[in-house]
PDB file of N, CA and C in Angstrom:
ATOM      1  N   MET A   1      18.218   0.516 -39.570  1.00  0.00           N
ATOM      2  CA  MET A   1      18.226  -0.797 -40.171  1.00  0.00           C
ATOM      3  C   MET A   1      17.111  -1.926 -39.858  1.00  0.00           C
ATOM      4  N   SER A   2      16.884  -2.537 -40.514  1.00  0.00           N
ATOM      5  CA  SER A   2      16.263  -3.873 -40.414  1.00  0.00           C
ATOM      6  C   SER A   2      16.659  -5.217 -40.695  1.00  0.00           C
ATOM      7  N   TYR A   3      16.753  -5.618 -39.611  1.00  0.00           N
ATOM      8  CA  TYR A   3      17.284  -7.420 -39.507  1.00  0.00           C
ATOM      9  C   TYR A   3      16.470  -8.196 -39.979  1.00  0.00           C
ATOM     10  N   ARG A   4      16.951  -9.208 -40.711  1.00  0.00           N
ATOM     11  CA  ARG A   4      16.185 -10.529 -41.086  1.00  0.00           C
ATOM     12  C   ARG A   4      15.560 -11.872 -39.900  1.00  0.00           C
ATOM     13  N   ILE A   5      14.438 -12.154 -40.082  1.00  0.00           N
ATOM     14  CA  ILE A   5      14.397 -12.981 -39.041  1.00  0.00           C
ATOM     15  C   ILE A   5      14.448 -14.540 -39.330  1.00  0.00           C
ATOM     16  N   SER A   6      14.827 -15.386 -38.820  1.00  0.00           N
ATOM     17  CA  SER A   6      14.826 -16.711 -39.296  1.00  0.00           C
ATOM     18  C   SER A   6      14.569 -17.437 -38.250  1.00  0.00           C
ATOM     19  N   TYR A   7      13.896 -18.687 -38.273  1.00  0.00           N
ATOM     20  CA  TYR A   7      13.668 -19.314 -36.535  1.00  0.00           C
ATOM     21  C   TYR A   7      14.168 -20.848 -36.546  1.00  0.00           C
ATOM     22  N   SER A   8      14.515 -21.036 -35.082  1.00  0.00           N
ATOM     23  CA  SER A   8      14.677 -22.254 -35.072  1.00  0.00           C
ATOM     24  C   SER A   8      13.845 -23.644 -35.585  1.00  0.00           C
ATOM     25  N   ASP A   9      14.433 -24.690 -35.311  1.00  0.00           N
ATOM     26  CA  ASP A   9      13.122 -25.341 -35.317  1.00  0.00           C
ATOM     27  C   ASP A   9      12.428 -25.745 -34.375  1.00  0.00           C
ATOM     28  N   GLU A  10      12.925 -25.731 -33.050  1.00  0.00           N
ATOM     29  CA  GLU A  10      12.331 -25.289 -31.839  1.00  0.00           C
ATOM     30  C   GLU A  10      11.497 -24.384 -31.696  1.00  0.00           C
ATOM     31  N   ALA A  11      11.538 -23.328 -32.319  1.00  0.00           N
ATOM     32  CA  ALA A  11      10.701 -21.936 -32.132  1.00  0.00           C
ATOM     33  C   ALA A  11       9.628 -22.166 -33.496  1.00  0.00           C
ATOM     34  N   LYS A  12       9.935 -23.093 -34.928  1.00  0.00           N
ATOM     35  CA  LYS A  12       8.945 -22.961 -35.391  1.00  0.00           C
ATOM     36  C   LYS A  12       7.892 -23.893 -34.973  1.00  0.00           C
ATOM     37  N   ARG A  13       8.430 -25.033 -33.939  1.00  0.00           N
ATOM     38  CA  ARG A  13       7.494 -25.988 -33.367  1.00  0.00           C
ATOM     39  C   ARG A  13       6.269 -25.138 -32.389  1.00  0.00           C
ATOM     40  N   ALA A  14       6.934 -24.543 -31.937  1.00  0.00           N
ATOM     41  CA  ALA A  14       6.485 -23.543 -30.557  1.00  0.00           C
ATOM     42  C   ALA A  14       5.605 -22.064 -31.115  1.00  0.00           C
ATOM     43  N   LEU A  15       5.554 -21.746 -31.551  1.00  0.00           N
ATOM     44  CA  LEU A  15       4.942 -20.603 -32.157  1.00  0.00           C
ATOM     45  C   LEU A  15       3.577 -20.957 -32.543  1.00  0.00           C
ATOM     46  N   PRO A  16       3.279 -22.127 -33.142  1.00  0.00           N
ATOM     47  CA  PRO A  16       1.379 -22.778 -33.779  1.00  0.00           C
ATOM     48  C   PRO A  16       0.998 -23.120 -32.557  1.00  0.00           C
ATOM     49  N   HIS A  17       1.610 -23.314 -31.228  1.00  0.00           N
ATOM     50  CA  HIS A  17       1.288 -23.807 -30.255  1.00  0.00           C
ATOM     51  C   HIS A  17       0.543 -23.030 -29.015  1.00  0.00           C
ATOM     52  N   LEU A  18       1.383 -21.861 -29.498  1.00  0.00           N
ATOM     53  CA  LEU A  18       0.974 -21.047 -28.324  1.00  0.00           C
ATOM     54  C   LEU A  18      -0.612 -20.860 -28.107  1.00  0.00           C
ATOM     55  N   PRO A  19      -1.256 -20.257 -26.894  1.00  0.00           N
ATOM     56  CA  PRO A  19      -2.440 -20.118 -26.485  1.00  0.00           C
ATOM     57  C   PRO A  19      -2.783 -18.934 -27.720  1.00  0.00           C
ATOM     58  N   GLY A  20      -3.987 -19.054 -28.185  1.00  0.00           N
ATOM     59  CA  GLY A  20      -4.768 -18.110 -29.429  1.00  0.00           C
ATOM     60  C   GLY A  20      -4.107 -16.692 -28.550  1.00  0.00           C
ATOM     61  N   ARG A  21      -4.245 -16.293 -27.813  1.00  0.00           N
ATOM     62  CA  ARG A  21      -4.353 -14.712 -27.386  1.00  0.00           C
ATOM     63  C   ARG A  21      -2.697 -14.820 -27.140  1.00  0.00           C
ATOM     64  N   TYR A  22      -1.932 -15.471 -27.321  1.00  0.00           N
ATOM     65  CA  TYR A  22      -0.644 -15.089 -27.088  1.00  0.00           C
ATOM     66  C   TYR A  22       0.472 -15.133 -28.463  1.00  0.00           C
ATOM     67  N   ARG A  23      -0.644 -16.039 -29.368  1.00  0.00           N
ATOM     68  CA  ARG A  23       0.371 -16.545 -30.680  1.00  0.00           C
ATOM     69  C   ARG A  23       0.453 -14.935 -31.290  1.00  0.00           C
ATOM     70  N   GLN A  24      -0.679 -14.149 -31.441  1.00  0.00           N
ATOM     71  CA  GLN A  24      -0.685 -13.055 -32.665  1.00  0.00           C
ATOM     72  C   GLN A  24       0.039 -11.886 -32.001  1.00  0.00           C
ATOM     73  N   ARG A  25       0.259 -11.852 -30.488  1.00  0.00           N
ATOM     74  CA  ARG A  25       0.915 -11.214 -29.819  1.00  0.00           C
ATOM     75  C   ARG A  25       2.607 -11.155 -29.991  1.00  0.00           C
ATOM     76  N   ALA A  26       3.118 -13.087 -30.005  1.00  0.00           N
ATOM     77  CA  ALA A  26       4.048 -13.006 -30.146  1.00  0.00           C
ATOM     78  C   ALA A  26       4.520 -12.649 -31.584  1.00  0.00           C
ATOM     79  N   ARG A  27       4.001 -13.013 -32.545  1.00  0.00           N
ATOM     80  CA  ARG A  27       4.221 -12.939 -34.087  1.00  0.00           C
ATOM     81  C   ARG A  27       4.567 -11.115 -34.407  1.00  0.00           C
ATOM     82  N   ARG A  28       3.888 -10.255 -33.396  1.00  0.00           N
ATOM     83  CA  ARG A  28       3.886  -8.964 -33.552  1.00  0.00           C
ATOM     84  C   ARG A  28       5.448  -8.331 -32.729  1.00  0.00           C
ATOM     85  N   VAL A  29       5.634  -9.158 -31.928  1.00  0.00           N
ATOM     86  CA  VAL A  29       6.795  -8.495 -31.121  1.00  0.00           C
ATOM     87  C   VAL A  29       7.936  -9.013 -31.676  1.00  0.00           C
ATOM     88  N   ILE A  30       7.981  -9.949 -32.355  1.00  0.00           N
ATOM     89  CA  ILE A  30       9.093 -10.728 -33.380  1.00  0.00           C
ATOM     90  C   ILE A  30       9.104 -10.073 -34.329  1.00  0.00           C
ATOM     91  N   GLU A  31       7.991  -9.635 -35.212  1.00  0.00           N
ATOM     92  CA  GLU A  31       8.164  -8.545 -36.068  1.00  0.00           C
ATOM     93  C   GLU A  31       8.551  -7.303 -36.029  1.00  0.00           C
ATOM     94  N   ALA A  32       8.271  -6.712 -34.484  1.00  0.00           N
ATOM     95  CA  ALA A  32       8.968  -5.371 -33.882  1.00  0.00           C
ATOM     96  C   ALA A  32      10.590  -5.591 -33.385  1.00  0.00           C
ATOM     97  N   LEU A  33      10.889  -6.771 -32.971  1.00  0.00           N
ATOM     98  CA  LEU A  33      12.309  -7.132 -32.764  1.00  0.00           C
ATOM     99  C   LEU A  33      13.277  -6.638 -34.347  1.00  0.00           C
ATOM    100  N   ALA A  34      12.401  -7.127 -35.404  1.00  0.00           N
ATOM    101  CA  ALA A  34      13.422  -7.009 -36.525  1.00  0.00           C
ATOM    102  C   ALA A  34      13.525  -5.606 -36.902  1.00  0.00           C
ATOM    103  N   ARG A  35      13.013  -4.324 -36.343  1.00  0.00           N
ATOM    104  CA  ARG A  35      13.032  -3.054 -36.426  1.00  0.00           C
ATOM    105  C   ARG A  35      14.126  -2.485 -35.312  1.00  0.00           C
ATOM    106  N   ASN A  36      14.159  -3.094 -33.801  1.00  0.00           N
ATOM    107  CA  ASN A  36      14.303  -2.889 -32.779  1.00  0.00           C
ATOM    108  C   ASN A  36      14.669  -3.974 -32.404  1.00  0.00           C
ATOM    109  N   PRO A  37      16.036  -4.494 -32.281  1.00  0.00           N
ATOM    110  CA  PRO A  37      16.162  -5.900 -31.663  1.00  0.00           C
ATOM    111  C   PRO A  37      16.743  -5.741 -29.967  1.00  0.00           C
ATOM    112  N   ARG A  38      16.708  -4.362 -29.544  1.00  0.00           N
ATOM    113  CA  ARG A  38      17.174  -4.705 -28.526  1.00  0.00           C
ATOM    114  C   ARG A  38      16.095  -3.474 -27.241  1.00  0.00           C
ATOM    115  N   PRO A  39      14.655  -4.303 -27.361  1.00  0.00           N
ATOM    116  CA  PRO A  39      13.718  -2.819 -26.897  1.00  0.00           C
ATOM    117  C   PRO A  39      13.927  -2.689 -25.402  1.00  0.00           C
ATOM    118  N   ALA A  40      13.075  -1.772 -24.648  1.00  0.00           N
ATOM    119  CA  ALA A  40      13.397  -1.898 -23.497  1.00  0.00           C
ATOM    120  C   ALA A  40      13.078  -3.106 -22.616  1.00  0.00           C
ATOM    121  N   GLY A  41      12.283  -3.863 -22.801  1.00  0.00           N
ATOM    122  CA  GLY A  41      12.153  -5.303 -21.879  1.00  0.00           C
ATOM    123  C   GLY A  41      13.392  -6.393 -22.273  1.00  0.00           C
ATOM    124  N   ALA A  42      13.884  -6.073 -23.274  1.00  0.00           N
ATOM    125  CA  ALA A  42      14.926  -6.972 -23.813  1.00  0.00           C
ATOM    126  C   ALA A  42      15.995  -7.054 -22.298  1.00  0.00           C
ATOM    127  N   VAL A  43      16.271  -8.325 -22.402  1.00  0.00           N
ATOM    128  CA  VAL A  43      17.504  -8.800 -21.306  1.00  0.00           C
ATOM    129  C   VAL A  43      18.358  -9.755 -21.959  1.00  0.00           C
ATOM    130  N   GLU A  44      19.698  -9.319 -21.913  1.00  0.00           N
ATOM    131  CA  GLU A  44      20.688 -10.403 -22.447  1.00  0.00           C
ATOM    132  C   GLU A  44      21.005 -11.272 -21.257  1.00  0.00           C
ATOM    133  N   LEU A  45      20.935 -12.487 -21.600  1.00  0.00           N
ATOM    134  CA  LEU A  45      21.356 -13.865 -20.799  1.00  0.00           C
ATOM    135  C   LEU A  45      22.328 -13.791 -20.106  1.00  0.00           C
ATOM    136  N   ARG A  46      22.410 -14.029 -18.934  1.00  0.00           N
ATOM    137  CA  ARG A  46      23.861 -14.236 -18.330  1.00  0.00           C
ATOM    138  C   ARG A  46      24.965 -15.398 -19.209  1.00  0.00           C
ATOM    139  N   ASP A  47      25.893 -15.525 -19.506  1.00  0.00           N
ATOM    140  CA  ASP A  47      26.588 -16.294 -19.973  1.00  0.00           C
ATOM    141  C   ASP A  47      26.790 -16.411 -21.276  1.00  0.00           C
ATOM    142  N   LEU A  48      25.420 -15.977 -21.584  1.00  0.00           N
ATOM    143  CA  LEU A  48      25.138 -16.176 -23.332  1.00  0.00           C
ATOM    144  C   LEU A  48      25.301 -14.958 -24.264  1.00  0.00           C
ATOM    145  N   PRO A  49      26.372 -14.235 -24.429  1.00  0.00           N
ATOM    146  CA  PRO A  49      26.556 -13.042 -25.241  1.00  0.00           C
ATOM    147  C   PRO A  49      25.787 -12.970 -26.606  1.00  0.00           C
ATOM    148  N   SER A  50      25.226 -12.119 -26.781  1.00  0.00           N
ATOM    149  CA  SER A  50      23.863 -11.852 -28.205  1.00  0.00           C
ATOM    150  C   SER A  50      23.025 -12.583 -28.191  1.00  0.00           C
ATOM    151  N   VAL A  51      22.704 -13.298 -26.392  1.00  0.00           N
ATOM    152  CA  VAL A  51      21.388 -13.749 -26.945  1.00  0.00           C
ATOM    153  C   VAL A  51      20.742 -13.170 -25.826  1.00  0.00           C
ATOM    154  N   TYR A  52      19.456 -12.765 -26.046  1.00  0.00           N
ATOM    155  CA  TYR A  52      18.461 -12.384 -25.475  1.00  0.00           C
ATOM    156  C   TYR A  52      16.759 -12.662 -24.996  1.00  0.00           C
ATOM    157  N   ARG A  53      16.081 -12.496 -24.193  1.00  0.00           N
ATOM    158  CA  ARG A  53      14.862 -12.978 -23.867  1.00  0.00           C
ATOM    159  C   ARG A  53      13.808 -11.593 -23.906  1.00  0.00           C
ATOM    160  N   ILE A  54      12.889 -11.794 -24.043  1.00  0.00           N
ATOM    161  CA  ILE A  54      11.712 -10.934 -24.108  1.00  0.00           C
ATOM    162  C   ILE A  54      10.421 -11.445 -23.445  1.00  0.00           C
ATOM    163  N   TRP A  55       9.949 -10.710 -22.362  1.00  0.00           N
ATOM    164  CA  TRP A  55       8.852 -11.113 -21.843  1.00  0.00           C
ATOM    165  C   TRP A  55       7.789 -10.869 -22.903  1.00  0.00           C
ATOM    166  N   LEU A  56       6.556 -11.786 -22.396  1.00  0.00           N
ATOM    167  CA  LEU A  56       5.327 -11.981 -23.069  1.00  0.00           C
ATOM    168  C   LEU A  56       4.286 -12.974 -22.116  1.00  0.00           C
ATOM    169  N   ASN A  57       4.341 -11.837 -20.700  1.00  0.00           N
ATOM    170  CA  ASN A  57       3.342 -12.859 -19.750  1.00  0.00           C
ATOM    171  C   ASN A  57       3.847 -13.638 -19.378  1.00  0.00           C
ATOM    172  N   GLY A  58       3.369 -15.008 -19.189  1.00  0.00           N
ATOM    173  CA  GLY A  58       4.675 -16.401 -18.480  1.00  0.00           C
ATOM    174  C   GLY A  58       5.678 -16.761 -19.806  1.00  0.00           C
ATOM    175  N   TRP A  59       5.622 -16.288 -20.965  1.00  0.00           N
ATOM    176  CA  TRP A  59       6.416 -16.779 -22.084  1.00  0.00           C
ATOM    177  C   TRP A  59       7.187 -15.914 -22.119  1.00  0.00           C
ATOM    178  N   ARG A  60       8.354 -16.711 -22.461  1.00  0.00           N
ATOM    179  CA  ARG A  60       9.521 -16.329 -22.884  1.00  0.00           C
ATOM    180  C   ARG A  60      10.213 -16.089 -24.312  1.00  0.00           C
ATOM    181  N   ILE A  61      10.263 -15.344 -25.347  1.00  0.00           N
ATOM    182  CA  ILE A  61      10.884 -14.995 -26.863  1.00  0.00           C
ATOM    183  C   ILE A  61      12.210 -15.191 -26.405  1.00  0.00           C
ATOM    184  N   ILE A  62      13.045 -16.310 -26.870  1.00  0.00           N
ATOM    185  CA  ILE A  62      14.354 -15.955 -26.740  1.00  0.00           C
ATOM    186  C   ILE A  62      15.085 -15.966 -27.681  1.00  0.00           C
ATOM    187  N   TYR A  63      16.127 -14.994 -28.390  1.00  0.00           N
ATOM    188  CA  TYR A  63      16.565 -14.851 -29.396  1.00  0.00           C
ATOM    189  C   TYR A  63      17.798 -14.638 -29.553  1.00  0.00           C
ATOM    190  N   GLN A  64      18.652 -14.673 -30.690  1.00  0.00           N
ATOM    191  CA  GLN A  64      19.960 -14.280 -30.471  1.00  0.00           C
ATOM    192  C   GLN A  64      19.962 -13.277 -31.887  1.00  0.00           C
ATOM    193  N   ILE A  65      21.036 -12.084 -31.121  1.00  0.00           N
ATOM    194  CA  ILE A  65      21.378 -11.005 -32.470  1.00  0.00           C
ATOM    195  C   ILE A  65      22.715 -11.335 -32.978  1.00  0.00           C
ATOM    196  N   ASP A  66      22.575 -11.371 -34.633  1.00  0.00           N
ATOM    197  CA  ASP A  66      24.098 -11.291 -35.324  1.00  0.00           C
ATOM    198  C   ASP A  66      23.929  -9.753 -36.064  1.00  0.00           C
ATOM    199  N   GLY A  67      24.524  -8.981 -35.393  1.00  0.00           N
ATOM    200  CA  GLY A  67      24.825  -7.592 -35.369  1.00  0.00           C
ATOM    201  C   GLY A  67      25.343  -7.325 -37.266  1.00  0.00           C
ATOM    202  N   GLU A  68      26.465  -8.271 -37.457  1.00  0.00           N
ATOM    203  CA  GLU A  68      27.442  -8.236 -38.636  1.00  0.00           C
ATOM    204  C   GLU A  68      26.328  -8.376 -39.740  1.00  0.00           C
ATOM    205  N   ASP A  69      25.486  -9.382 -39.682  1.00  0.00           N
ATOM    206  CA  ASP A  69      24.619 -10.157 -41.093  1.00  0.00           C
ATOM    207  C   ASP A  69      23.846  -9.525 -40.658  1.00  0.00           C
ATOM    208  N   ALA A  70      23.037  -8.700 -39.690  1.00  0.00           N
ATOM    209  CA  ALA A  70      21.866  -8.024 -39.620  1.00  0.00           C
ATOM    210  C   ALA A  70      20.729  -9.104 -39.453  1.00  0.00           C
ATOM    211  N   MET A  71      21.292 -10.248 -38.671  1.00  0.00           N
ATOM    212  CA  MET A  71      20.000 -11.411 -38.504  1.00  0.00           C
ATOM    213  C   MET A  71      19.614 -11.539 -37.205  1.00  0.00           C
ATOM    214  N   LEU A  72      18.635 -11.635 -36.994  1.00  0.00           N
ATOM    215  CA  LEU A  72      17.675 -12.476 -35.257  1.00  0.00           C
ATOM    216  C   LEU A  72      17.564 -13.990 -35.863  1.00  0.00           C
ATOM    217  N   LEU A  73      17.871 -14.657 -34.836  1.00  0.00           N
ATOM    218  CA  LEU A  73      17.645 -15.693 -34.557  1.00  0.00           C
ATOM    219  C   LEU A  73      16.679 -16.120 -33.431  1.00  0.00           C
ATOM    220  N   ILE A  74      15.302 -16.540 -34.075  1.00  0.00           N
ATOM    221  CA  ILE A  74      14.629 -16.673 -32.736  1.00  0.00           C
ATOM    222  C   ILE A  74      14.461 -18.359 -32.222  1.00  0.00           C
ATOM    223  N   ILE A  75      15.479 -18.410 -31.003  1.00  0.00           N
ATOM    224  CA  ILE A  75      15.724 -19.769 -30.513  1.00  0.00           C
ATOM    225  C   ILE A  75      14.665 -20.526 -30.266  1.00  0.00           C
ATOM    226  N   GLY A  76      13.613 -19.863 -28.938  1.00  0.00           N
ATOM    227  CA  GLY A  76      12.945 -20.082 -28.817  1.00  0.00           C
ATOM    228  C   GLY A  76      11.624 -19.930 -28.095  1.00  0.00           C
ATOM    229  N   ILE A  77      10.810 -20.654 -27.757  1.00  0.00           N
ATOM    230  CA  ILE A  77       9.348 -19.746 -27.146  1.00  0.00           C
ATOM    231  C   ILE A  77       8.960 -21.052 -26.040  1.00  0.00           C
ATOM    232  N   ARG A  78       9.313 -20.417 -24.993  1.00  0.00           N
ATOM    233  CA  ARG A  78       8.982 -21.130 -23.690  1.00  0.00           C
ATOM    234  C   ARG A  78       8.621 -20.632 -22.792  1.00  0.00           C
ATOM    235  N   TYR A  79       7.554 -21.176 -21.875  1.00  0.00           N
ATOM    236  CA  TYR A  79       6.711 -20.982 -20.885  1.00  0.00           C
ATOM    237  C   TYR A  79       7.776 -20.926 -19.741  1.00  0.00           C
ATOM    238  N   LYS A  80       7.772 -20.029 -18.719  1.00  0.00           N
ATOM    239  CA  LYS A  80       8.605 -19.750 -17.933  1.00  0.00           C
ATOM    240  C   LYS A  80       7.969 -20.537 -16.714  1.00  0.00           C
ATOM    241  N   SER A  81       9.351 -21.156 -16.376  1.00  0.00           N
ATOM    242  CA  SER A  81       8.775 -22.448 -15.784  1.00  0.00           C
ATOM    243  C   SER A  81      10.261 -22.549 -14.453  1.00  0.00           C
ATOM    244  N   GLY A  82      10.656 -21.556 -14.744  1.00  0.00           N
ATOM    245  CA  GLY A  82      12.055 -21.916 -13.455  1.00  0.00           C
ATOM    246  C   GLY A  82      13.218 -21.334 -14.227  1.00  0.00           C
ATOM    247  N   PRO A  83      14.628 -21.348 -13.427  1.00  0.00           N
ATOM    248  CA  PRO A  83      15.640 -21.126 -14.405  1.00  0.00           C
ATOM    249  C   PRO A  83      15.886 -22.350 -15.337  1.00  0.00           C
ATOM    250  N   GLU A  84      15.337 -23.308 -15.408  1.00  0.00           N
ATOM    251  CA  GLU A  84      15.712 -24.345 -16.562  1.00  0.00           C
ATOM    252  C   GLU A  84      14.840 -24.006 -17.900  1.00  0.00           C
ATOM    253  N   THR A  85      14.015 -22.689 -17.719  1.00  0.00           N
ATOM    254  CA  THR A  85      13.612 -22.462 -18.856  1.00  0.00           C
ATOM    255  C   THR A  85      14.581 -22.123 -20.212  1.00  0.00           C
ATOM    256  N   TYR A  86      15.796 -21.827 -19.510  1.00  0.00           N
ATOM    257  CA  TYR A  86      16.996 -21.563 -20.372  1.00  0.00           C
ATOM    258  C   TYR A  86      18.106 -22.366 -20.520  1.00  0.00           C
ATOM    259  N   GLU A  87      17.781 -23.532 -20.191  1.00  0.00           N
ATOM    260  CA  GLU A  87      18.707 -24.309 -20.262  1.00  0.00           C
ATOM    261  C   GLU A  87      18.248 -25.475 -21.601  1.00  0.00           C
ATOM    262  N   ASN A  88      19.514 -25.924 -22.068  1.00  0.00           N
ATOM    263  CA  ASN A  88      19.653 -26.822 -22.916  1.00  0.00           C
ATOM    264  C   ASN A  88      19.084 -26.132 -24.524  1.00  0.00           C
ATOM    265  N   LEU A  89      19.529 -24.348 -24.437  1.00  0.00           N
ATOM    266  CA  LEU A  89      19.214 -23.659 -25.773  1.00  0.00           C
ATOM    267  C   LEU A  89      20.337 -23.992 -27.041  1.00  0.00           C
ATOM    268  N   LYS A  90      19.660 -24.414 -28.182  1.00  0.00           N
ATOM    269  CA  LYS A  90      20.578 -24.522 -29.197  1.00  0.00           C
ATOM    270  C   LYS A  90      20.636 -23.687 -30.210  1.00  0.00           C
ATOM    271  N   ILE A  91      22.199 -22.661 -29.953  1.00  0.00           N
ATOM    272  CA  ILE A  91      22.581 -21.472 -30.003  1.00  0.00           C
ATOM    273  C   ILE A  91      23.125 -21.369 -31.025  1.00  0.00           C
ATOM    274  N   GLY A  92      22.696 -20.883 -32.308  1.00  0.00           N
ATOM    275  CA  GLY A  92      23.232 -20.895 -33.620  1.00  0.00           C
ATOM    276  C   GLY A  92      24.301 -20.124 -34.119  1.00  0.00           C
TER     277      GLY A  92
END
């Protein structure tokens, strides 16, 4: 099963501003999530059901899985700076 991918406004703004060497890797990781939304490195965020993060060096790709509609929402792409990295997420 392949999942459709959509991006929040925050993620749309963040992706083009990633450093060049991470931008292409982030796109490949996101495309791979469409085929396997729960890869080995994905971690479900505490207190946020169906919201996961995947590690990309210092960056975190934060996404939500909607299994009913086979949809992935990329919520944000943020640099890990501490626990506040996951604050103020606009979950759809």
